[in-house]
Amino acid sequence: MVEGSPSQPRRAPSGVRADRSEHAMAIPRRVVRGVASLGALPLVAALAVVAAAQPAPVQVHILRGPGGTLYVVQGDTSWTLAPGDISADQEGALNPIGEIDEVLPDQLFVPSAPTPTAPPAPSATQQLAATPIPQPTVAGTWVGRLDQTAGGSFTITLTVQVSGGNATGTWRATTLDGQSWIVRNLVGTFSNNVLQVRHTTTADQSPGSSGWCPPNNAVDTLTLSQNRLDGTQDGACGSGVVHLTKAPS
């Protein structure tokens, strides 16, 4: 049959078939690469948005005008620059680490940590309010007088010790002329600024005091107010008024 007639299909050479097969396989690979490129576009766009959201700092320039004037220029703002002077010794103490050409580096503008400020000194009123006021104490030595109601006065020296509300001590009464005296032991309590003690035994006495009242007949009730003890003494031999002040320690 004649080549090209309708009853005879036309064959392509075997080489041509092989080329078509290669082209048929190459098309899908290009499609895959194209699809992969389309998938990367959102990531590239996201990175571009992040970069755009972080504006670059406006650079600071040191510039010299035609007349020699120095300027500090940042964007549309400028200042004239008047350098200070240093001595030769100060210049020799400098520690250069490099050279700056026109543009000041960004690290020069990192804000430093604020210097902590000391709190203001308290006023005199605040200091007075913060200063603890020493509370009066009955412990110690007291000196003063006993004036008896029936007549007669004595110089008194009272020594007191206090522990847990219990009070002990000694009571020395001396006539005003200093010729006779007696020392008695005390026992009692101290509560709510009130000292109440009973005279128990005689610790010592002068020869001229042998006829004085027995010790266990007297009770002293004294109220503490600042550096004073004021109150009364009551006993079978009479009563009296007591006024004492704290002796210097």
Protein backbone atom coordinates (compact mmCIF):
# COMPACT_ATOMS: atom_id res chain seq x y z
CA MET A 1 0.00 0.00 0.00
CA VAL A 2 1.04 3.56 -0.61
CA GLU A 3 2.42 5.24 2.56
CA GLY A 4 -0.04 7.76 3.89
CA SER A 5 -3.20 6.04 2.57
CA PRO A 6 -6.26 6.01 4.89
CA SER A 7 -6.18 2.26 5.35
CA GLN A 8 -2.61 2.29 6.61
CA PRO A 9 -1.85 4.20 9.84
CA ARG A 10 1.31 6.19 9.82
CA ARG A 11 4.00 5.06 12.23
CA ALA A 12 6.43 7.30 13.79
CA PRO A 13 10.01 6.24 13.92
CA SER A 14 11.10 4.58 17.13
CA GLY A 15 13.38 7.51 17.94
CA VAL A 16 10.48 9.93 17.79
CA ARG A 17 8.45 7.77 20.22
CA ALA A 18 11.31 7.83 22.69
CA ASP A 19 11.50 11.65 22.50
CA ARG A 20 7.78 12.00 23.19
CA SER A 21 8.08 9.72 26.21
CA GLU A 22 10.85 11.91 27.61
CA HIS A 23 8.73 15.07 27.07
CA ALA A 24 5.74 13.40 28.72
CA MET A 25 7.84 12.66 31.87
CA ALA A 26 9.45 16.14 31.92
CA ILE A 27 6.12 18.02 32.17
CA PRO A 28 5.07 16.61 35.53
CA ARG A 29 8.47 17.48 37.07
CA ARG A 30 8.11 21.13 36.03
CA VAL A 31 4.60 21.19 37.43
CA VAL A 32 5.82 19.81 40.76
CA ARG A 33 8.61 22.40 40.97
CA GLY A 34 6.11 25.13 40.18
CA VAL A 35 3.74 23.97 42.87
CA ALA A 36 6.61 23.87 45.41
CA SER A 37 7.55 27.42 44.47
CA LEU A 38 3.96 28.55 45.02
CA GLY A 39 4.00 26.91 48.47
CA ALA A 40 7.10 28.92 49.49
CA LEU A 41 5.54 32.27 48.58
CA PRO A 42 3.58 32.67 51.87
CA LEU A 43 6.80 32.12 53.91
CA VAL A 44 8.69 34.70 51.85
CA ALA A 45 5.82 37.16 52.27
CA ALA A 46 5.72 36.58 56.04
CA LEU A 47 9.46 37.28 56.34
CA ALA A 48 9.04 40.43 54.31
CA VAL A 49 6.26 41.64 56.64
CA VAL A 50 8.43 40.98 59.73
CA ALA A 51 11.35 42.89 58.19
CA ALA A 52 9.05 45.78 57.32
CA ALA A 53 7.70 45.87 60.89
CA GLN A 54 11.17 46.58 62.31
CA PRO A 55 12.23 50.02 61.03
CA ALA A 56 15.91 50.72 60.97
CA PRO A 57 17.09 53.36 63.47
CA VAL A 58 17.72 56.83 62.11
CA GLN A 59 21.46 57.24 61.86
CA VAL A 60 23.31 60.08 63.54
CA HIS A 61 25.92 61.87 61.41
CA ILE A 62 28.74 64.21 62.36
CA LEU A 63 29.09 66.68 59.47
CA ARG A 64 31.22 69.77 58.76
CA GLY A 65 29.80 72.75 56.88
CA PRO A 66 31.69 74.81 54.30
CA GLY A 67 32.68 77.31 56.98
CA GLY A 68 34.07 74.58 59.26
CA THR A 69 31.03 74.42 61.61
CA LEU A 70 30.38 70.94 62.97
CA TYR A 71 26.85 69.55 63.03
CA VAL A 72 25.14 66.57 64.60
CA VAL A 73 22.46 65.48 62.15
CA GLN A 74 19.73 62.89 62.70
CA GLY A 75 17.12 62.77 59.97
CA ASP A 76 15.66 66.27 59.61
CA THR A 77 17.02 67.44 62.98
CA SER A 78 20.44 68.97 63.50
CA TRP A 79 22.51 70.62 66.24
CA THR A 80 25.72 72.55 66.07
CA LEU A 81 28.59 70.76 67.77
CA ALA A 82 31.11 72.64 69.92
CA PRO A 83 33.83 70.17 71.06
CA GLY A 84 35.31 70.61 74.51
CA ASP A 85 39.01 70.88 75.31
CA ILE A 86 41.12 68.38 77.24
CA SER A 87 44.66 68.61 78.55
CA ALA A 88 47.60 66.60 77.30
CA ASP A 89 47.41 64.39 80.38
CA GLN A 90 43.73 63.72 79.80
CA GLU A 91 44.42 62.93 76.17
CA GLY A 92 47.18 60.55 77.17
CA ALA A 93 44.80 58.74 79.52
CA LEU A 94 42.28 58.01 76.75
CA ASN A 95 41.93 54.46 75.45
CA PRO A 96 40.96 54.65 71.76
CA ILE A 97 39.29 51.48 70.44
CA GLY A 98 38.78 52.53 66.82
CA GLU A 99 37.73 55.29 64.44
CA ILE A 100 34.24 56.64 63.73
CA ASP A 101 33.73 57.89 60.18
CA GLU A 102 30.83 60.38 60.05
CA VAL A 103 28.08 57.99 61.28
CA LEU A 104 27.90 57.29 65.01
CA PRO A 105 27.40 53.57 65.69
CA ASP A 106 24.06 52.51 67.20
CA GLN A 107 25.69 50.95 70.28
CA LEU A 108 26.64 54.43 71.51
CA PHE A 109 22.95 55.15 72.11
CA VAL A 110 22.08 52.14 74.26
CA PRO A 111 20.40 53.66 77.35
CA SER A 112 22.32 53.07 80.54
CA ALA A 113 20.66 51.72 83.65
CA PRO A 114 19.27 54.51 85.84
CA THR A 115 21.44 55.41 88.79
CA PRO A 116 19.66 54.43 92.00
CA THR A 117 18.86 57.42 94.12
CA ALA A 118 19.18 57.37 97.86
CA PRO A 119 15.93 57.84 99.76
CA PRO A 120 15.52 61.28 101.30
CA ALA A 121 16.79 61.68 104.82
CA PRO A 122 14.02 61.50 107.39
CA SER A 123 12.90 64.76 108.88
CA ALA A 124 13.41 65.62 112.52
CA THR A 125 9.77 64.79 113.20
CA GLN A 126 10.11 61.38 111.54
CA GLN A 127 13.31 60.67 113.44
CA LEU A 128 11.60 61.58 116.70
CA ALA A 129 8.65 59.33 115.87
CA ALA A 130 10.95 56.45 114.95
CA THR A 131 13.10 56.80 118.06
CA PRO A 132 11.77 54.51 120.78
CA ILE A 133 11.01 56.36 123.97
CA PRO A 134 12.63 54.58 126.90
CA GLN A 135 10.02 53.37 129.32
CA PRO A 136 10.53 54.18 132.99
CA THR A 137 11.61 51.29 135.17
CA VAL A 138 11.36 50.95 138.92
CA ALA A 139 14.54 48.92 139.15
CA GLY A 140 17.48 50.87 140.54
CA THR A 141 18.21 53.25 143.39
CA TRP A 142 15.85 55.96 144.59
CA VAL A 143 16.48 58.76 147.08
CA GLY A 144 14.11 61.12 148.87
CA ARG A 145 12.14 61.67 152.09
CA LEU A 146 9.59 60.07 154.35
CA ASP A 147 7.47 62.58 156.26
CA GLN A 148 5.45 60.89 158.97
CA THR A 149 1.97 62.11 159.76
CA ALA A 150 2.64 62.11 163.53
CA GLY A 151 5.82 64.07 163.03
CA GLY A 152 9.36 63.19 162.18
CA SER A 153 11.12 63.00 158.82
CA PHE A 154 13.76 60.67 157.42
CA THR A 155 16.08 60.58 154.47
CA ILE A 156 15.27 57.47 152.40
CA THR A 157 17.43 55.38 150.09
CA LEU A 158 15.42 52.68 148.30
CA THR A 159 17.04 49.98 146.17
CA VAL A 160 14.72 47.82 144.03
CA GLN A 161 15.15 44.72 141.86
CA VAL A 162 12.27 43.40 139.72
CA SER A 163 11.90 39.98 138.09
CA GLY A 164 8.67 38.84 136.48
CA GLY A 165 6.56 41.24 138.48
CA ASN A 166 8.14 40.29 141.80
CA ALA A 167 10.04 43.02 143.61
CA THR A 168 12.76 42.79 146.24
CA GLY A 169 15.13 45.33 147.70
CA THR A 170 16.23 47.32 150.72
CA TRP A 171 14.93 50.40 152.51
CA ARG A 172 17.35 52.63 154.40
CA ALA A 173 15.90 55.33 156.65
CA THR A 174 18.24 57.89 158.21
CA THR A 175 17.36 60.67 160.61
CA LEU A 176 17.87 64.12 159.18
CA ASP A 177 20.85 64.70 161.47
CA GLY A 178 22.45 61.49 160.18
CA GLN A 179 22.95 60.08 163.68
CA SER A 180 20.58 57.07 163.46
CA TRP A 181 19.68 54.80 160.60
CA ILE A 182 18.18 51.41 159.83
CA VAL A 183 18.18 49.11 156.78
CA ARG A 184 15.26 46.76 156.17
CA ASN A 185 14.69 44.05 153.58
CA LEU A 186 11.71 44.38 151.26
CA VAL A 187 9.54 41.93 149.34
CA GLY A 188 6.50 42.65 147.16
CA THR A 189 5.23 43.21 143.64
CA PHE A 190 5.45 45.70 140.79
CA SER A 191 2.46 45.88 138.45
CA ASN A 192 0.82 48.64 136.40
CA ASN A 193 3.51 51.08 137.55
CA VAL A 194 2.65 50.48 141.21
CA LEU A 195 5.32 49.19 143.59
CA GLN A 196 3.97 47.64 146.78
CA VAL A 197 6.51 46.19 149.22
CA ARG A 198 6.46 45.00 152.82
CA HIS A 199 9.30 45.51 155.27
CA THR A 200 10.34 42.00 156.40
CA THR A 201 13.58 41.86 158.38
CA THR A 202 16.21 44.28 159.57
CA ALA A 203 19.42 43.98 157.59
CA ASP A 204 21.45 46.56 159.55
CA GLN A 205 20.96 49.44 161.96
CA SER A 206 22.76 51.98 164.10
CA PRO A 207 22.76 51.71 167.93
CA GLY A 208 20.40 54.64 168.22
CA SER A 209 17.64 52.96 166.16
CA SER A 210 17.03 49.97 168.41
CA GLY A 211 13.69 51.29 169.61
CA TRP A 212 12.20 51.81 166.15
CA CYS A 213 9.07 49.94 165.04
CA PRO A 214 9.35 46.28 164.01
CA PRO A 215 9.99 45.94 160.26
CA ASN A 216 6.96 43.83 159.39
CA ASN A 217 4.59 46.57 160.51
CA ALA A 218 5.26 48.81 157.46
CA VAL A 219 3.97 48.59 153.88
CA ASP A 220 5.02 51.01 151.14
CA THR A 221 2.68 51.69 148.19
CA LEU A 222 4.45 53.83 145.59
CA THR A 223 3.40 54.88 142.07
CA LEU A 224 6.01 55.21 139.31
CA SER A 225 5.78 58.28 137.08
CA GLN A 226 8.77 59.01 134.87
CA ASN A 227 11.69 59.29 137.29
CA ARG A 228 9.61 59.66 140.45
CA LEU A 229 8.12 57.33 143.03
CA ASP A 230 5.39 58.87 145.15
CA GLY A 231 3.07 57.25 147.67
CA THR A 232 2.54 56.30 151.27
CA GLN A 233 3.90 54.12 154.06
CA ASP A 234 1.45 52.55 156.47
CA GLY A 235 2.16 50.57 159.64
CA ALA A 236 1.26 50.07 163.29
CA CYS A 237 3.69 52.81 164.27
CA GLY A 238 2.02 55.36 162.00
CA SER A 239 1.82 56.45 158.40
CA GLY A 240 3.61 58.90 156.22
CA VAL A 241 4.10 60.35 152.74
CA VAL A 242 7.01 59.22 150.56
CA HIS A 243 8.59 61.19 147.68
CA LEU A 244 11.57 59.68 145.85
CA THR A 245 13.51 60.45 142.66
CA LYS A 246 15.69 58.15 140.58
CA ALA A 247 19.35 58.39 141.51
CA PRO A 248 21.83 58.79 138.61
CA SER A 249 23.11 55.43 137.47
